[in-house]
């Protein structure tokens, strides 16, 4: 099943039923008074978070949702029945926005969270409400109110503790395969990842965290280059970012320092808050450097990178392909997360994989 993380829909709550004006007409009961009942309320539209749903694909094919209209009032003081509510089930992490105003109507961060989106219209009043000492036979009644209607933008943002970012082929998929049960595609060409991935990293019997990776960024992504910044929203909920850098690029013209700096620049262009998140530097593909040259290569990179960016945060060196250096990294992540404020976590299967189809990732 294709991973769908955006959709646009139209919702309209049901209109209220009309009140009516009727009078009691029974044999042997003269001068029967007003007995017109009220109309029923219209059905409302709710959204609810469901951890058993993983994509918004259902809302790509069904885009219009109309609440049921309330029934009209009846005689003999009978009120009309209310319309049935509509409940739209969506993945945990879905953000529902009013397409016309940009207002966020719901942020479904927890399983079973339910939010009213469009309220059904009130039923109209029957003439029993207009009876008074001076108006014994009222013929007034009111129509039902219209239900609310909205054009909505649905946006799924995955919930994870740690987010991976970096250039295509920086090794994000290889890392997530090495530290979790997730099995994204690994290949020797860029942009093998087209959709986000989730994986659970188990550090101990009762200790684990969720990692999310997004398709690789390139310089100019904020302006639409490559896959653009469409998937950067998935990093906004994370508590920690791991910036993977290919320390041994195959391309002789590649400059790891320049490329790493460019990624940070793209984050700032998209959302300055992403730059403010804790971000660790992870130098990958150490296995491609001769052992006697590794330390010098790392030192040279760090000296140039710190001079260019002023970075003074944690630095880890790994070879994700064979797991070298990954254990100290995941233990350090677990320790850091325990000291941070808790955040919503995604629900994943027992095998440590997101229950959505595991899309692809780069080598």
Protein backbone atom coordinates (compact mmCIF):
# COMPACT_ATOMS: atom_id res chain seq x y z
CA UNK A 1 0.00 0.00 0.00
CA UNK A 2 1.35 3.38 -0.97
CA UNK A 3 2.30 5.74 1.85
CA UNK A 4 -0.02 8.73 1.66
CA UNK A 5 0.71 11.59 4.04
CA UNK A 6 -1.40 14.41 2.61
CA UNK A 7 -5.00 14.78 1.49
CA UNK A 8 -7.69 17.41 1.02
CA UNK A 9 -11.33 16.78 1.89
CA UNK A 10 -14.64 18.63 2.23
CA UNK A 11 -16.86 18.08 5.27
CA UNK A 12 -20.33 19.44 6.01
CA UNK A 13 -22.29 18.76 9.17
CA UNK A 14 -25.97 18.01 8.82
CA UNK A 15 -28.53 20.81 8.83
CA UNK A 16 -31.03 20.93 11.66
CA UNK A 17 -34.57 19.78 10.96
CA UNK A 18 -37.38 22.35 10.75
CA UNK A 19 -39.84 22.97 13.54
CA UNK A 20 -43.51 22.86 12.55
CA UNK A 21 -46.73 24.66 13.51
CA UNK A 22 -49.58 22.26 14.25
CA UNK A 23 -52.55 22.20 16.63
CA UNK A 24 -54.18 19.51 18.70
CA UNK A 25 -57.21 18.14 16.86
CA UNK A 26 -59.00 15.44 18.82
CA UNK A 27 -62.66 14.53 19.14
CA UNK A 28 -64.36 15.85 22.27
CA UNK A 29 -61.37 18.11 23.07
CA UNK A 30 -62.30 21.59 21.89
CA UNK A 31 -59.84 24.41 21.39
CA UNK A 32 -56.75 22.17 21.22
CA UNK A 33 -53.58 24.17 21.67
CA UNK A 34 -50.33 24.23 19.65
CA UNK A 35 -48.41 20.97 19.57
CA UNK A 36 -45.79 21.36 16.82
CA UNK A 37 -42.49 19.77 17.79
CA UNK A 38 -38.90 20.89 17.25
CA UNK A 39 -36.67 19.67 14.46
CA UNK A 40 -33.77 17.33 15.27
CA UNK A 41 -30.17 18.49 15.34
CA UNK A 42 -27.95 17.78 12.37
CA UNK A 43 -25.22 15.16 12.57
CA UNK A 44 -21.75 16.51 13.47
CA UNK A 45 -18.39 15.53 11.98
CA UNK A 46 -15.65 14.23 14.29
CA UNK A 47 -12.10 13.01 13.69
CA UNK A 48 -10.50 10.35 15.85
CA UNK A 49 -6.92 9.10 16.03
CA UNK A 50 -6.52 5.37 15.36
CA UNK A 51 -3.14 3.68 15.78
CA UNK A 52 -4.28 0.85 13.51
CA UNK A 53 -4.36 3.19 10.51
CA UNK A 54 -1.07 4.21 8.94
CA UNK A 55 -1.83 6.38 5.91
CA UNK A 56 -4.36 8.87 4.61
CA UNK A 57 -4.94 6.85 1.46
CA UNK A 58 -8.70 6.47 2.15
CA UNK A 59 -9.10 10.22 1.90
CA UNK A 60 -7.51 10.34 -1.54
CA UNK A 61 -10.45 8.49 -3.05
CA UNK A 62 -13.36 9.65 -0.87
CA UNK A 63 -13.14 13.39 -0.42
CA UNK A 64 -16.65 14.55 0.50
CA UNK A 65 -18.29 13.76 3.85
CA UNK A 66 -21.80 15.01 4.58
CA UNK A 67 -23.48 14.75 7.98
CA UNK A 68 -27.07 13.53 8.15
CA UNK A 69 -29.80 16.15 8.30
CA UNK A 70 -32.04 16.23 11.36
CA UNK A 71 -35.66 15.21 10.88
CA UNK A 72 -38.43 17.80 10.92
CA UNK A 73 -40.60 18.10 14.01
CA UNK A 74 -43.98 16.39 14.15
CA UNK A 75 -47.40 17.02 15.60
CA UNK A 76 -48.47 15.88 19.05
CA UNK A 77 -45.35 17.43 20.57
CA UNK A 78 -43.10 15.02 18.64
CA UNK A 79 -39.52 16.14 18.17
CA UNK A 80 -37.60 15.16 15.04
CA UNK A 81 -34.79 12.63 15.36
CA UNK A 82 -31.23 13.94 15.33
CA UNK A 83 -28.98 13.13 12.38
CA UNK A 84 -26.24 10.52 12.77
CA UNK A 85 -22.73 11.85 13.45
CA UNK A 86 -19.82 11.08 11.12
CA UNK A 87 -16.58 9.87 12.70
CA UNK A 88 -13.51 9.98 10.45
CA UNK A 89 -10.71 7.68 11.63
CA UNK A 90 -7.19 8.92 10.89
CA UNK A 91 -3.62 7.89 11.74
CA UNK A 92 -2.06 9.08 14.97
CA UNK A 93 -0.02 12.15 14.05
CA UNK A 94 -2.55 13.67 11.64
CA UNK A 95 -2.93 17.45 11.66
CA UNK A 96 -6.28 18.78 10.42
CA UNK A 97 -6.20 22.35 9.09
CA UNK A 98 -8.88 24.67 7.74
CA UNK A 99 -7.76 25.06 4.14
CA UNK A 100 -9.19 28.56 3.80
CA UNK A 101 -7.96 30.15 7.02
CA UNK A 102 -4.92 28.03 7.88
CA UNK A 103 -6.29 27.40 11.40
CA UNK A 104 -5.31 24.06 12.93
CA UNK A 105 -8.56 22.39 13.97
CA UNK A 106 -7.08 19.17 15.36
CA UNK A 107 -3.67 17.70 16.12
CA UNK A 108 -4.22 13.99 16.69
CA UNK A 109 -1.21 13.09 18.80
CA UNK A 110 -2.67 10.25 20.88
CA UNK A 111 -4.64 7.07 20.15
CA UNK A 112 -8.43 7.51 20.52
CA UNK A 113 -8.15 11.31 20.69
CA UNK A 114 -11.47 12.63 19.35
CA UNK A 115 -12.09 16.17 18.12
CA UNK A 116 -15.25 17.88 16.88
CA UNK A 117 -14.56 19.41 13.46
CA UNK A 118 -17.94 20.52 12.11
CA UNK A 119 -20.94 21.00 14.42
CA UNK A 120 -24.37 19.99 13.25
CA UNK A 121 -27.04 22.65 12.96
CA UNK A 122 -29.61 23.14 15.71
CA UNK A 123 -33.15 22.01 15.03
CA UNK A 124 -35.82 24.62 14.43
CA UNK A 125 -38.46 25.41 17.05
CA UNK A 126 -42.03 24.21 16.83
CA UNK A 127 -44.96 26.45 17.66
CA UNK A 128 -45.26 25.01 21.17
CA UNK A 129 -42.46 27.40 22.15
CA UNK A 130 -44.38 30.49 21.03
CA UNK A 131 -47.51 29.98 23.12
CA UNK A 132 -48.20 32.74 25.63
CA UNK A 133 -51.05 34.28 27.54
CA UNK A 134 -51.62 36.72 24.70
CA UNK A 135 -50.87 34.33 21.84
CA UNK A 136 -52.91 31.20 22.44
CA UNK A 137 -52.71 29.93 18.85
CA UNK A 138 -49.20 30.74 17.59
CA UNK A 139 -48.43 29.88 14.01
CA UNK A 140 -44.75 30.70 14.26
CA UNK A 141 -42.04 28.10 13.83
CA UNK A 142 -38.40 28.30 12.80
CA UNK A 143 -36.24 26.46 10.32
CA UNK A 144 -33.25 24.40 11.31
CA UNK A 145 -29.81 26.00 11.32
CA UNK A 146 -27.29 24.93 8.68
CA UNK A 147 -24.42 22.69 9.73
CA UNK A 148 -20.83 23.93 9.63
CA UNK A 149 -18.81 23.16 6.52
CA UNK A 150 -15.08 23.28 5.86
CA UNK A 151 -12.49 22.42 3.29
CA UNK A 152 -9.76 20.60 5.20
CA UNK A 153 -6.11 19.80 4.62
CA UNK A 154 -4.97 16.56 6.24
CA UNK A 155 -1.27 16.17 6.94
CA UNK A 156 0.29 13.13 8.56
CA UNK A 157 3.39 13.81 10.65
CA UNK A 158 5.01 10.71 12.05
CA UNK A 159 5.62 10.57 15.79
CA UNK A 160 9.15 9.62 16.75
CA UNK A 161 11.80 10.41 19.33
CA UNK A 162 14.75 10.67 16.93
CA UNK A 163 14.87 11.97 13.37
CA UNK A 164 17.54 11.15 10.79
CA UNK A 165 18.55 13.69 8.19
CA UNK A 166 21.26 13.97 5.63
CA UNK A 167 22.08 13.85 1.95
CA UNK A 168 20.94 10.98 -0.27
CA UNK A 169 23.28 8.01 0.24
CA UNK A 170 24.47 9.32 3.61
CA UNK A 171 23.56 5.92 5.05
CA UNK A 172 20.30 6.60 6.88
CA UNK A 173 18.64 3.40 5.73
CA UNK A 174 21.69 1.33 6.54
CA UNK A 175 21.74 2.82 10.03
CA UNK A 176 18.06 2.21 10.70
CA UNK A 177 18.48 -1.40 9.51
CA UNK A 178 21.46 -1.82 11.81
CA UNK A 179 19.79 -0.56 14.97
CA UNK A 180 16.14 -1.61 14.53
CA UNK A 181 13.94 -4.27 12.95
CA UNK A 182 12.86 -1.94 10.15
CA UNK A 183 13.93 -3.13 6.70
CA UNK A 184 13.88 -0.24 4.24
CA UNK A 185 15.40 -0.66 0.83
CA UNK A 186 19.15 -0.11 0.52
CA UNK A 187 20.71 0.65 -2.84
CA UNK A 188 23.82 2.27 -4.31
CA UNK A 189 21.94 5.11 -5.99
CA UNK A 190 20.40 8.27 -4.51
CA UNK A 191 16.74 8.85 -3.68
CA UNK A 192 15.87 5.22 -3.05
CA UNK A 193 13.79 6.57 -0.15
CA UNK A 194 10.57 8.13 -1.35
CA UNK A 195 8.57 8.00 1.89
CA UNK A 196 9.28 8.23 5.64
CA UNK A 197 10.20 5.16 7.68
CA UNK A 198 9.82 4.31 11.36
CA UNK A 199 11.83 1.83 13.39
CA UNK A 200 11.93 0.89 17.08
CA UNK A 201 15.37 0.71 18.69
CA UNK A 202 15.35 -1.53 21.76
CA UNK A 203 18.13 -0.66 24.21
CA UNK A 204 16.99 -2.90 27.06
CA UNK A 205 14.10 -4.96 28.34
CA UNK A 206 12.02 -1.88 29.07
CA UNK A 207 13.95 0.79 27.20
CA UNK A 208 13.38 1.73 23.59
CA UNK A 209 12.90 4.71 21.33
CA UNK A 210 11.45 5.35 17.90
CA UNK A 211 13.56 6.56 14.97
CA UNK A 212 12.15 8.26 11.87
CA UNK A 213 14.03 8.90 8.69
CA UNK A 214 12.98 11.02 5.76
CA UNK A 215 14.04 11.08 2.10
CA UNK A 216 17.46 12.62 1.60
CA UNK A 217 17.84 16.36 1.28
CA UNK A 218 20.04 18.21 -1.16
CA UNK A 219 21.11 21.83 -1.39
CA UNK A 220 18.21 23.87 -2.72
CA UNK A 221 15.57 21.57 -1.22
CA UNK A 222 13.77 24.54 0.33
CA UNK A 223 13.33 25.87 -3.21
CA UNK A 224 12.02 22.56 -4.54
CA UNK A 225 15.21 20.79 -5.64
CA UNK A 226 15.26 17.00 -5.37
CA UNK A 227 12.33 15.83 -3.30
CA UNK A 228 12.06 19.30 -1.80
CA UNK A 229 11.11 19.80 1.83
CA UNK A 230 7.82 17.91 1.73
CA UNK A 231 8.94 15.38 4.32
CA UNK A 232 10.74 17.73 6.72
CA UNK A 233 7.47 18.16 8.61
CA UNK A 234 8.01 14.65 9.96
CA UNK A 235 11.01 15.91 11.93
CA UNK A 236 9.05 18.64 13.71
CA UNK A 237 7.73 16.30 16.43
CA UNK A 238 11.06 14.62 17.14
CA UNK A 239 13.10 15.45 20.23
CA UNK A 240 16.55 14.77 18.78
CA UNK A 241 18.01 15.00 15.28
CA UNK A 242 20.88 12.88 14.00
CA UNK A 243 22.69 14.53 11.11
CA UNK A 244 24.39 11.77 9.12
CA UNK A 245 27.41 12.76 7.04
CA UNK A 246 29.21 10.56 4.51
CA UNK A 247 32.79 10.97 5.68
CA UNK A 248 34.16 9.06 2.69
CA UNK A 249 32.18 10.14 -0.40
CA UNK A 250 32.89 8.29 -3.64
CA UNK A 251 32.49 11.42 -5.75
CA UNK A 252 35.91 13.14 -5.89
CA UNK A 253 34.21 16.53 -6.25
CA UNK A 254 32.13 16.07 -3.09
CA UNK A 255 32.90 18.26 -0.11
CA UNK A 256 31.44 16.75 3.12
CA UNK A 257 31.86 20.00 5.04
CA UNK A 258 30.06 22.07 2.42
CA UNK A 259 27.30 19.50 2.04
CA UNK A 260 26.75 19.16 5.79
CA UNK A 261 26.56 22.94 6.15
CA UNK A 262 24.05 23.09 3.29
CA UNK A 263 21.71 20.64 5.04
CA UNK A 264 21.59 22.85 8.13
CA UNK A 265 20.85 25.82 5.89
CA UNK A 266 17.90 24.00 4.32
CA UNK A 267 16.50 23.24 7.78
CA UNK A 268 16.68 26.92 8.69
CA UNK A 269 14.92 27.94 5.48
CA UNK A 270 12.10 25.48 6.09
CA UNK A 271 11.55 26.03 9.81
CA UNK A 272 13.92 27.88 12.18
CA UNK A 273 12.56 25.76 15.05
CA UNK A 274 14.17 22.67 13.49
CA UNK A 275 17.58 24.27 13.79
CA UNK A 276 16.92 24.90 17.49
CA UNK A 277 16.29 21.20 18.18
CA UNK A 278 19.15 19.18 19.72
CA UNK A 279 21.20 17.94 16.77
CA UNK A 280 24.06 15.47 16.88
CA UNK A 281 26.67 14.92 14.20
CA UNK A 282 27.14 11.32 13.07
CA UNK A 283 30.03 10.62 10.70
CA UNK A 284 29.24 7.48 8.73
CA UNK A 285 31.07 5.06 6.39
CA UNK A 286 34.19 4.94 8.52
CA UNK A 287 34.82 1.47 7.09
CA UNK A 288 35.75 2.99 3.73
CA UNK A 289 38.76 4.79 5.20
CA UNK A 290 42.00 2.90 5.92
CA UNK A 291 42.30 2.35 9.64
CA UNK A 292 45.55 4.27 9.92
CA UNK A 293 43.97 7.34 8.27
CA UNK A 294 40.62 7.41 10.08
CA UNK A 295 41.47 9.64 13.00
CA UNK A 296 43.21 12.21 10.82
CA UNK A 297 40.27 12.25 8.39
CA UNK A 298 37.78 12.78 11.22
CA UNK A 299 39.92 15.49 12.85
CA UNK A 300 40.29 17.37 9.57
CA UNK A 301 36.54 17.25 8.92
CA UNK A 302 35.61 18.40 12.42
CA UNK A 303 38.09 21.27 12.36
CA UNK A 304 36.71 22.55 9.06
CA UNK A 305 33.05 21.93 10.02
CA UNK A 306 33.32 23.65 13.39
CA UNK A 307 35.04 26.62 11.78
CA UNK A 308 32.31 26.85 9.13
CA UNK A 309 29.30 26.37 11.41
CA UNK A 310 30.44 26.87 15.01
CA UNK A 311 29.10 23.42 15.89
CA UNK A 312 30.14 22.23 19.36
CA UNK A 313 27.71 19.37 19.99
CA UNK A 314 28.25 15.61 20.30
CA UNK A 315 30.08 13.80 17.50
CA UNK A 316 29.89 10.06 16.77
CA UNK A 317 31.78 8.03 14.21
CA UNK A 318 30.17 4.86 12.87
CA UNK A 319 30.19 2.33 10.08
CA UNK A 320 26.49 1.51 9.78
CA UNK A 321 27.10 -1.26 7.25
CA UNK A 322 28.77 -3.46 9.88
CA UNK A 323 27.38 -1.85 13.04
CA UNK A 324 30.71 -0.37 14.17
CA UNK A 325 30.11 2.45 16.66
CA UNK A 326 26.31 2.06 16.66
CA UNK A 327 26.01 0.70 20.23
CA UNK A 328 27.63 3.72 21.91
CA UNK A 329 25.41 5.89 19.74
CA UNK A 330 22.11 4.26 20.75
CA UNK A 331 23.08 4.16 24.44
CA UNK A 332 23.91 7.87 24.32
CA UNK A 333 20.57 8.57 22.59
CA UNK A 334 18.64 6.64 25.25
CA UNK A 335 20.40 8.51 28.04
CA UNK A 336 19.70 11.86 26.40
CA UNK A 337 16.02 11.07 25.76
CA UNK A 338 15.50 10.09 29.39
CA UNK A 339 16.63 13.56 30.41
CA UNK A 340 14.39 15.31 27.89
CA UNK A 341 10.70 16.10 28.23
CA UNK A 342 8.53 13.18 27.07
CA UNK A 343 6.84 13.35 23.69
CA UNK A 344 4.09 11.32 21.99
CA UNK A 345 5.35 8.06 20.55
CA UNK A 346 4.14 6.21 17.51
CA UNK A 347 2.50 2.83 17.88
CA UNK A 348 4.48 0.13 16.12
CA UNK A 349 4.21 -3.62 15.76
CA UNK A 350 5.85 -6.01 18.20
CA UNK A 351 8.62 -6.79 15.72
CA UNK A 352 9.78 -3.19 15.92
CA UNK A 353 8.47 -2.06 12.56
CA UNK A 354 5.88 0.51 11.72
CA UNK A 355 2.73 -1.32 10.72
CA UNK A 356 2.62 0.70 7.52
CA UNK A 357 4.46 -0.64 4.51
CA UNK A 358 8.17 -0.09 5.01
CA UNK A 359 9.12 2.21 2.14
CA UNK A 360 12.55 2.62 0.69
CA UNK A 361 15.72 4.24 2.02
CA UNK A 362 19.09 5.11 0.63
CA UNK A 363 22.32 3.30 1.19
